[in-house]
Amino acid sequence: VIFDSEEGSAEGVLTVNGASARVPLDPSFDPERYRDVLARSIRFTEQHLPDPIDPENDLEHIALRGALGALDPYSTIFSGRGSEDFRIRFEGKLSGVGARIGRRDGDLIAVRVFPGSPAETGGLRDGDAILSIDGDPTQPLSVEDAVSRIRGRAGTPISLGVVRGSDPKQRLDVSIIRGEVMIPSVESRSLQGAGRIGYAQIYQVSRETAQEFRERVSELGPLDGLVLDM
């Protein structure tokens, strides 16, 4: 899908899979006109795409995200799984294993295992490469799909096949009982050197972040200065 327009032009060209259509660009914003142009552009795109769109990422939301992106970098729109992920991050708790998952060099990695979480109790460690979930390989999964597989009702078991360190032969089977997990948003520590300098890192902002920040910094004792890492 390609959209081209020249600066100052009253129209652009939308090209989808080789088919093209002219799209009017009204310099003044009129909501009714905007909705009509957007709807016709979406219909044209749907008609000429070779494959159907994933319901979790439909064209209307793609277009609305693009429109909001023109306002500022902080405006966005959520639907489906995105809404659920945002709710979990804001509330700061979920039912799962208690680990932050990501990709590194193609492998699914336990980037951060939360202290006191079911994942830590079950033996998962920071940096472990997760090769399988309940016997199924993780290589074909996106991070979002893997997270959905790992989350689940408290009290239910899950088995992760992991590799720890650089030796692929060091494979471990980690059995975890899911539980209710509080997601930490602040971590703190004292820095080595002259004076009493504290360091506090805020990973994300949730409903509990302000109180959590006060608690983590208070644990450091009297300070001469504080490094705040956002």
C-alpha atoms as a PDB file:
ATOM      1  CA  VAL A   1       0.000   0.000   0.000  1.00  0.00           C
ATOM      2  CA  ILE A   2       1.515   3.329  -1.130  1.00  0.00           C
ATOM      3  CA  PHE A   3       0.171   6.875  -0.825  1.00  0.00           C
ATOM      4  CA  ASP A   4       1.887   9.720  -2.712  1.00  0.00           C
ATOM      5  CA  SER A   5       1.100  13.414  -2.716  1.00  0.00           C
ATOM      6  CA  GLU A   6       2.962  16.552  -3.683  1.00  0.00           C
ATOM      7  CA  GLU A   7       3.254  19.415  -1.203  1.00  0.00           C
ATOM      8  CA  GLY A   8       0.441  21.894  -1.751  1.00  0.00           C
ATOM      9  CA  SER A   9      -1.483  19.507  -4.024  1.00  0.00           C
ATOM     10  CA  ALA A  10      -5.267  19.177  -3.622  1.00  0.00           C
ATOM     11  CA  GLU A  11      -5.141  15.403  -4.093  1.00  0.00           C
ATOM     12  CA  GLY A  12      -2.948  12.349  -3.656  1.00  0.00           C
ATOM     13  CA  VAL A  13      -2.689   8.926  -5.255  1.00  0.00           C
ATOM     14  CA  LEU A  14      -3.457   5.752  -3.287  1.00  0.00           C
ATOM     15  CA  THR A  15      -1.908   2.629  -4.857  1.00  0.00           C
ATOM     16  CA  VAL A  16      -2.819  -0.844  -3.601  1.00  0.00           C
ATOM     17  CA  ASN A  17      -1.348  -3.950  -5.228  1.00  0.00           C
ATOM     18  CA  GLY A  18      -0.922  -2.097  -8.552  1.00  0.00           C
ATOM     19  CA  ALA A  19      -4.375  -0.437  -8.627  1.00  0.00           C
ATOM     20  CA  SER A  20      -4.536   3.347  -8.123  1.00  0.00           C
ATOM     21  CA  ALA A  21      -7.163   5.862  -7.048  1.00  0.00           C
ATOM     22  CA  ARG A  22      -7.063   9.646  -6.593  1.00  0.00           C
ATOM     23  CA  VAL A  23      -7.824  10.896  -3.079  1.00  0.00           C
ATOM     24  CA  PRO A  24      -8.887  14.512  -2.468  1.00  0.00           C
ATOM     25  CA  LEU A  25      -6.874  16.402   0.164  1.00  0.00           C
ATOM     26  CA  ASP A  26      -8.976  19.202   1.620  1.00  0.00           C
ATOM     27  CA  PRO A  27      -6.727  21.804   3.329  1.00  0.00           C
ATOM     28  CA  SER A  28      -9.572  22.699   5.707  1.00  0.00           C
ATOM     29  CA  PHE A  29     -10.771  19.943   8.068  1.00  0.00           C
ATOM     30  CA  ASP A  30     -14.418  19.029   7.729  1.00  0.00           C
ATOM     31  CA  PRO A  31     -15.466  15.957   9.808  1.00  0.00           C
ATOM     32  CA  GLU A  32     -18.148  14.759   7.394  1.00  0.00           C
ATOM     33  CA  ARG A  33     -15.847  15.122   4.389  1.00  0.00           C
ATOM     34  CA  TYR A  34     -13.000  13.434   6.258  1.00  0.00           C
ATOM     35  CA  ARG A  35     -15.124  10.406   7.227  1.00  0.00           C
ATOM     36  CA  ASP A  36     -16.336  10.023   3.639  1.00  0.00           C
ATOM     37  CA  VAL A  37     -12.822  10.153   2.140  1.00  0.00           C
ATOM     38  CA  LEU A  38     -11.479   7.799   4.824  1.00  0.00           C
ATOM     39  CA  ALA A  39     -14.299   5.287   4.297  1.00  0.00           C
ATOM     40  CA  ARG A  40     -13.837   5.252   0.496  1.00  0.00           C
ATOM     41  CA  SER A  41     -10.063   4.867   0.877  1.00  0.00           C
ATOM     42  CA  ILE A  42     -10.516   1.926   3.246  1.00  0.00           C
ATOM     43  CA  ARG A  43     -12.998   0.219   0.896  1.00  0.00           C
ATOM     44  CA  PHE A  44     -10.621   0.664  -2.050  1.00  0.00           C
ATOM     45  CA  THR A  45      -7.729  -0.780  -0.037  1.00  0.00           C
ATOM     46  CA  GLU A  46      -9.773  -3.782   1.155  1.00  0.00           C
ATOM     47  CA  GLN A  47     -10.917  -4.552  -2.403  1.00  0.00           C
ATOM     48  CA  HIS A  48      -7.383  -4.685  -3.794  1.00  0.00           C
ATOM     49  CA  LEU A  49      -5.383  -6.335  -1.010  1.00  0.00           C
ATOM     50  CA  PRO A  50      -4.358  -9.919  -1.947  1.00  0.00           C
ATOM     51  CA  ASP A  51      -4.965 -11.256   1.585  1.00  0.00           C
ATOM     52  CA  PRO A  52      -7.576 -10.542   4.281  1.00  0.00           C
ATOM     53  CA  ILE A  53      -6.625  -8.286   7.184  1.00  0.00           C
ATOM     54  CA  ASP A  54      -6.072  -9.763  10.654  1.00  0.00           C
ATOM     55  CA  PRO A  55      -9.174  -8.882  12.735  1.00  0.00           C
ATOM     56  CA  GLU A  56      -6.856  -7.685  15.536  1.00  0.00           C
ATOM     57  CA  ASN A  57      -5.303  -5.130  13.164  1.00  0.00           C
ATOM     58  CA  ASP A  58      -8.081  -4.027  10.800  1.00  0.00           C
ATOM     59  CA  LEU A  59      -7.751  -1.218   8.272  1.00  0.00           C
ATOM     60  CA  GLU A  60      -9.989   1.219  10.128  1.00  0.00           C
ATOM     61  CA  HIS A  61      -7.757   1.139  13.192  1.00  0.00           C
ATOM     62  CA  ILE A  62      -4.620   1.403  11.050  1.00  0.00           C
ATOM     63  CA  ALA A  63      -6.079   4.518   9.398  1.00  0.00           C
ATOM     64  CA  LEU A  64      -7.163   6.036  12.721  1.00  0.00           C
ATOM     65  CA  ARG A  65      -3.718   5.420  14.232  1.00  0.00           C
ATOM     66  CA  GLY A  66      -2.204   7.213  11.244  1.00  0.00           C
ATOM     67  CA  ALA A  67      -4.566  10.157  11.681  1.00  0.00           C
ATOM     68  CA  LEU A  68      -3.827  10.400  15.411  1.00  0.00           C
ATOM     69  CA  GLY A  69      -0.098  10.153  14.700  1.00  0.00           C
ATOM     70  CA  ALA A  70      -0.342  13.434  12.824  1.00  0.00           C
ATOM     71  CA  LEU A  71      -1.502  15.145  16.029  1.00  0.00           C
ATOM     72  CA  ASP A  72       1.330  14.218  18.424  1.00  0.00           C
ATOM     73  CA  PRO A  73       3.395  11.129  19.358  1.00  0.00           C
ATOM     74  CA  TYR A  74       1.280  10.411  22.464  1.00  0.00           C
ATOM     75  CA  SER A  75      -2.202  10.005  20.941  1.00  0.00           C
ATOM     76  CA  THR A  76      -3.231   6.476  20.065  1.00  0.00           C
ATOM     77  CA  ILE A  77      -6.210   4.133  19.823  1.00  0.00           C
ATOM     78  CA  PHE A  78      -6.653   0.675  21.308  1.00  0.00           C
ATOM     79  CA  SER A  79      -8.825  -2.270  20.353  1.00  0.00           C
ATOM     80  CA  GLY A  80      -9.004  -5.965  21.172  1.00  0.00           C
ATOM     81  CA  ARG A  81      -5.779  -7.279  22.693  1.00  0.00           C
ATOM     82  CA  GLY A  82      -4.226  -3.790  22.748  1.00  0.00           C
ATOM     83  CA  SER A  83      -6.965  -2.583  25.107  1.00  0.00           C
ATOM     84  CA  GLU A  84      -6.390  -5.543  27.428  1.00  0.00           C
ATOM     85  CA  ASP A  85      -2.602  -5.012  27.477  1.00  0.00           C
ATOM     86  CA  PHE A  86      -3.052  -1.323  28.294  1.00  0.00           C
ATOM     87  CA  ARG A  87      -5.465  -2.143  31.129  1.00  0.00           C
ATOM     88  CA  ILE A  88      -2.997  -4.645  32.599  1.00  0.00           C
ATOM     89  CA  ARG A  89      -0.083  -2.176  32.424  1.00  0.00           C
ATOM     90  CA  PHE A  90      -2.145   0.584  34.052  1.00  0.00           C
ATOM     91  CA  GLU A  91      -3.524  -1.582  36.852  1.00  0.00           C
ATOM     92  CA  GLY A  92      -0.075  -3.096  37.449  1.00  0.00           C
ATOM     93  CA  LYS A  93      -1.279  -6.655  37.992  1.00  0.00           C
ATOM     94  CA  LEU A  94      -2.179  -9.732  35.982  1.00  0.00           C
ATOM     95  CA  SER A  95      -2.709 -13.462  36.205  1.00  0.00           C
ATOM     96  CA  GLY A  96       0.363 -15.204  34.797  1.00  0.00           C
ATOM     97  CA  VAL A  97       3.974 -16.071  35.601  1.00  0.00           C
ATOM     98  CA  GLY A  98       5.506 -12.644  36.274  1.00  0.00           C
ATOM     99  CA  ALA A  99       8.158 -12.084  33.595  1.00  0.00           C
ATOM    100  CA  ARG A 100       8.783  -9.505  30.887  1.00  0.00           C
ATOM    101  CA  ILE A 101       9.236 -11.271  27.523  1.00  0.00           C
ATOM    102  CA  GLY A 102      11.020 -10.010  24.395  1.00  0.00           C
ATOM    103  CA  ARG A 103      13.016 -11.078  21.341  1.00  0.00           C
ATOM    104  CA  ARG A 104      16.816 -11.091  21.101  1.00  0.00           C
ATOM    105  CA  ASP A 105      18.737 -12.438  18.096  1.00  0.00           C
ATOM    106  CA  GLY A 106      15.579 -14.257  17.009  1.00  0.00           C
ATOM    107  CA  ASP A 107      15.046 -16.037  20.344  1.00  0.00           C
ATOM    108  CA  LEU A 108      12.197 -15.461  22.770  1.00  0.00           C
ATOM    109  CA  ILE A 109      13.886 -14.190  25.944  1.00  0.00           C
ATOM    110  CA  ALA A 110      12.838 -13.758  29.569  1.00  0.00           C
ATOM    111  CA  VAL A 111      14.126 -10.175  29.693  1.00  0.00           C
ATOM    112  CA  ARG A 112      13.088  -9.579  33.309  1.00  0.00           C
ATOM    113  CA  VAL A 113      11.821 -12.073  35.880  1.00  0.00           C
ATOM    114  CA  PHE A 114       9.986 -10.183  38.629  1.00  0.00           C
ATOM    115  CA  PRO A 115      11.224 -10.826  42.189  1.00  0.00           C
ATOM    116  CA  GLY A 116       8.923 -13.090  44.184  1.00  0.00           C
ATOM    117  CA  SER A 117       6.916 -14.046  41.083  1.00  0.00           C
ATOM    118  CA  PRO A 118       5.749 -17.576  40.137  1.00  0.00           C
ATOM    119  CA  ALA A 119       8.367 -17.490  37.361  1.00  0.00           C
ATOM    120  CA  GLU A 120      11.192 -16.890  39.852  1.00  0.00           C
ATOM    121  CA  THR A 121       9.812 -19.548  42.216  1.00  0.00           C
ATOM    122  CA  GLY A 122       9.611 -22.019  39.317  1.00  0.00           C
ATOM    123  CA  GLY A 123      13.250 -21.426  38.346  1.00  0.00           C
ATOM    124  CA  LEU A 124      13.052 -19.036  35.368  1.00  0.00           C
ATOM    125  CA  ARG A 125      15.960 -16.564  35.266  1.00  0.00           C
ATOM    126  CA  ASP A 126      16.725 -13.281  33.504  1.00  0.00           C
ATOM    127  CA  GLY A 127      18.164 -13.964  30.045  1.00  0.00           C
ATOM    128  CA  ASP A 128      16.748 -17.483  29.666  1.00  0.00           C
ATOM    129  CA  ALA A 129      15.866 -18.280  26.036  1.00  0.00           C
ATOM    130  CA  ILE A 130      12.353 -19.776  25.909  1.00  0.00           C
ATOM    131  CA  LEU A 131      12.299 -22.424  23.168  1.00  0.00           C
ATOM    132  CA  SER A 132       8.932 -24.034  23.880  1.00  0.00           C
ATOM    133  CA  ILE A 133       5.646 -23.424  25.715  1.00  0.00           C
ATOM    134  CA  ASP A 134       3.915 -26.616  26.878  1.00  0.00           C
ATOM    135  CA  GLY A 135       5.948 -28.517  24.273  1.00  0.00           C
ATOM    136  CA  ASP A 136       5.132 -26.224  21.333  1.00  0.00           C
ATOM    137  CA  PRO A 137       8.061 -24.327  19.723  1.00  0.00           C
ATOM    138  CA  THR A 138       8.124 -20.546  20.210  1.00  0.00           C
ATOM    139  CA  GLN A 139      10.042 -19.741  16.999  1.00  0.00           C
ATOM    140  CA  PRO A 140       6.885 -19.182  14.855  1.00  0.00           C
ATOM    141  CA  LEU A 141       5.216 -17.019  17.537  1.00  0.00           C
ATOM    142  CA  SER A 142       5.264 -13.239  17.794  1.00  0.00           C
ATOM    143  CA  VAL A 143       6.064 -11.802  21.225  1.00  0.00           C
ATOM    144  CA  GLU A 144       2.370 -10.908  21.649  1.00  0.00           C
ATOM    145  CA  ASP A 145       1.248 -14.458  20.818  1.00  0.00           C
ATOM    146  CA  ALA A 146       3.829 -15.951  23.182  1.00  0.00           C
ATOM    147  CA  VAL A 147       2.729 -13.635  26.009  1.00  0.00           C
ATOM    148  CA  SER A 148      -0.896 -14.671  25.416  1.00  0.00           C
ATOM    149  CA  ARG A 149       0.112 -18.340  25.640  1.00  0.00           C
ATOM    150  CA  ILE A 150       2.104 -17.808  28.848  1.00  0.00           C
ATOM    151  CA  ARG A 151      -0.603 -15.820  30.628  1.00  0.00           C
ATOM    152  CA  GLY A 152      -3.438 -17.766  32.167  1.00  0.00           C
ATOM    153  CA  ARG A 153      -5.675 -18.389  35.133  1.00  0.00           C
ATOM    154  CA  ALA A 154      -4.008 -18.408  38.557  1.00  0.00           C
ATOM    155  CA  GLY A 155      -3.372 -21.933  39.819  1.00  0.00           C
ATOM    156  CA  THR A 156      -2.885 -23.489  36.369  1.00  0.00           C
ATOM    157  CA  PRO A 157       0.473 -25.048  35.368  1.00  0.00           C
ATOM    158  CA  ILE A 158       2.698 -24.182  32.422  1.00  0.00           C
ATOM    159  CA  SER A 159       5.928 -25.795  31.229  1.00  0.00           C
ATOM    160  CA  LEU A 160       8.670 -23.784  29.497  1.00  0.00           C
ATOM    161  CA  GLY A 161      11.619 -25.343  27.670  1.00  0.00           C
ATOM    162  CA  VAL A 162      14.531 -22.943  28.141  1.00  0.00           C
ATOM    163  CA  VAL A 163      18.232 -22.647  27.354  1.00  0.00           C
ATOM    164  CA  ARG A 164      20.418 -20.890  29.913  1.00  0.00           C
ATOM    165  CA  GLY A 165      23.744 -19.409  28.838  1.00  0.00           C
ATOM    166  CA  SER A 166      25.523 -19.832  25.506  1.00  0.00           C
ATOM    167  CA  ASP A 167      25.487 -23.649  25.390  1.00  0.00           C
ATOM    168  CA  PRO A 168      22.378 -24.833  23.458  1.00  0.00           C
ATOM    169  CA  LYS A 169      22.783 -28.265  25.073  1.00  0.00           C
ATOM    170  CA  GLN A 170      22.023 -26.767  28.494  1.00  0.00           C
ATOM    171  CA  ARG A 171      18.265 -27.162  28.061  1.00  0.00           C
ATOM    172  CA  LEU A 172      15.997 -27.049  31.090  1.00  0.00           C
ATOM    173  CA  ASP A 173      12.303 -27.729  31.611  1.00  0.00           C
ATOM    174  CA  VAL A 174      10.871 -25.075  33.914  1.00  0.00           C
ATOM    175  CA  SER A 175       7.490 -25.872  35.500  1.00  0.00           C
ATOM    176  CA  ILE A 176       5.541 -22.880  36.803  1.00  0.00           C
ATOM    177  CA  ILE A 177       2.180 -22.542  38.561  1.00  0.00           C
ATOM    178  CA  ARG A 178       0.575 -19.321  37.372  1.00  0.00           C
ATOM    179  CA  GLY A 179      -0.524 -16.814  39.997  1.00  0.00           C
ATOM    180  CA  GLU A 180      -1.674 -13.242  40.566  1.00  0.00           C
ATOM    181  CA  VAL A 181       1.325 -11.055  39.787  1.00  0.00           C
ATOM    182  CA  MET A 182       2.019  -7.460  40.765  1.00  0.00           C
ATOM    183  CA  ILE A 183       4.021  -5.880  37.945  1.00  0.00           C
ATOM    184  CA  PRO A 184       6.797  -3.685  39.403  1.00  0.00           C
ATOM    185  CA  SER A 185       7.124  -0.327  37.675  1.00  0.00           C
ATOM    186  CA  VAL A 186      10.008   1.087  39.767  1.00  0.00           C
ATOM    187  CA  GLU A 187      13.374  -0.338  40.768  1.00  0.00           C
ATOM    188  CA  SER A 188      15.988   1.414  42.888  1.00  0.00           C
ATOM    189  CA  ARG A 189      19.512   0.949  44.166  1.00  0.00           C
ATOM    190  CA  SER A 190      22.406   2.897  45.692  1.00  0.00           C
ATOM    191  CA  LEU A 191      25.196   3.961  43.345  1.00  0.00           C
ATOM    192  CA  GLN A 192      28.816   3.371  44.239  1.00  0.00           C
ATOM    193  CA  GLY A 193      31.008   6.449  44.577  1.00  0.00           C
ATOM    194  CA  ALA A 194      31.305   9.655  46.520  1.00  0.00           C
ATOM    195  CA  GLY A 195      28.268  10.732  48.516  1.00  0.00           C
ATOM    196  CA  ARG A 196      24.976   8.998  49.018  1.00  0.00           C
ATOM    197  CA  ILE A 197      23.485   8.838  45.523  1.00  0.00           C
ATOM    198  CA  GLY A 198      20.384   6.832  44.760  1.00  0.00           C
ATOM    199  CA  TYR A 199      19.174   5.516  41.403  1.00  0.00           C
ATOM    200  CA  ALA A 200      15.499   4.918  40.596  1.00  0.00           C
ATOM    201  CA  GLN A 201      14.263   3.587  37.255  1.00  0.00           C
ATOM    202  CA  ILE A 202      10.614   3.874  36.220  1.00  0.00           C
ATOM    203  CA  TYR A 203       9.830   1.170  33.646  1.00  0.00           C
ATOM    204  CA  GLN A 204       6.217   2.158  33.054  1.00  0.00           C
ATOM    205  CA  VAL A 205       3.481   4.262  34.635  1.00  0.00           C
ATOM    206  CA  SER A 206       0.639   2.458  36.390  1.00  0.00           C
ATOM    207  CA  ARG A 207      -1.912   3.281  39.056  1.00  0.00           C
ATOM    208  CA  GLU A 208       0.567   2.278  41.786  1.00  0.00           C
ATOM    209  CA  THR A 209       3.717   3.945  40.400  1.00  0.00           C
ATOM    210  CA  ALA A 210       3.676   7.041  42.651  1.00  0.00           C
ATOM    211  CA  GLN A 211       3.362   5.003  45.861  1.00  0.00           C
ATOM    212  CA  GLU A 212       5.837   2.413  44.606  1.00  0.00           C
ATOM    213  CA  PHE A 213       8.345   5.177  43.791  1.00  0.00           C
ATOM    214  CA  ARG A 214       8.107   6.612  47.319  1.00  0.00           C
ATOM    215  CA  GLU A 215       8.616   3.180  48.850  1.00  0.00           C
ATOM    216  CA  ARG A 216      11.584   2.194  46.673  1.00  0.00           C
ATOM    217  CA  VAL A 217      13.398   5.515  47.243  1.00  0.00           C
ATOM    218  CA  SER A 218      12.672   5.478  50.995  1.00  0.00           C
ATOM    219  CA  GLU A 219      14.323   2.056  51.223  1.00  0.00           C
ATOM    220  CA  LEU A 220      17.620   3.652  50.140  1.00  0.00           C
ATOM    221  CA  GLY A 221      17.781   5.775  53.311  1.00  0.00           C
ATOM    222  CA  PRO A 222      19.093   9.383  53.495  1.00  0.00           C
ATOM    223  CA  LEU A 223      20.403  10.601  50.120  1.00  0.00           C
ATOM    224  CA  ASP A 224      22.523  13.507  48.881  1.00  0.00           C
ATOM    225  CA  GLY A 225      21.151  13.083  45.359  1.00  0.00           C
ATOM    226  CA  LEU A 226      18.951  10.914  43.164  1.00  0.00           C
ATOM    227  CA  VAL A 227      19.312   9.793  39.559  1.00  0.00           C
ATOM    228  CA  LEU A 228      15.829   9.426  38.077  1.00  0.00           C
ATOM    229  CA  ASP A 229      15.780   7.187  35.006  1.00  0.00           C
ATOM    230  CA  MET A 230      12.540   7.408  33.000  1.00  0.00           C
END
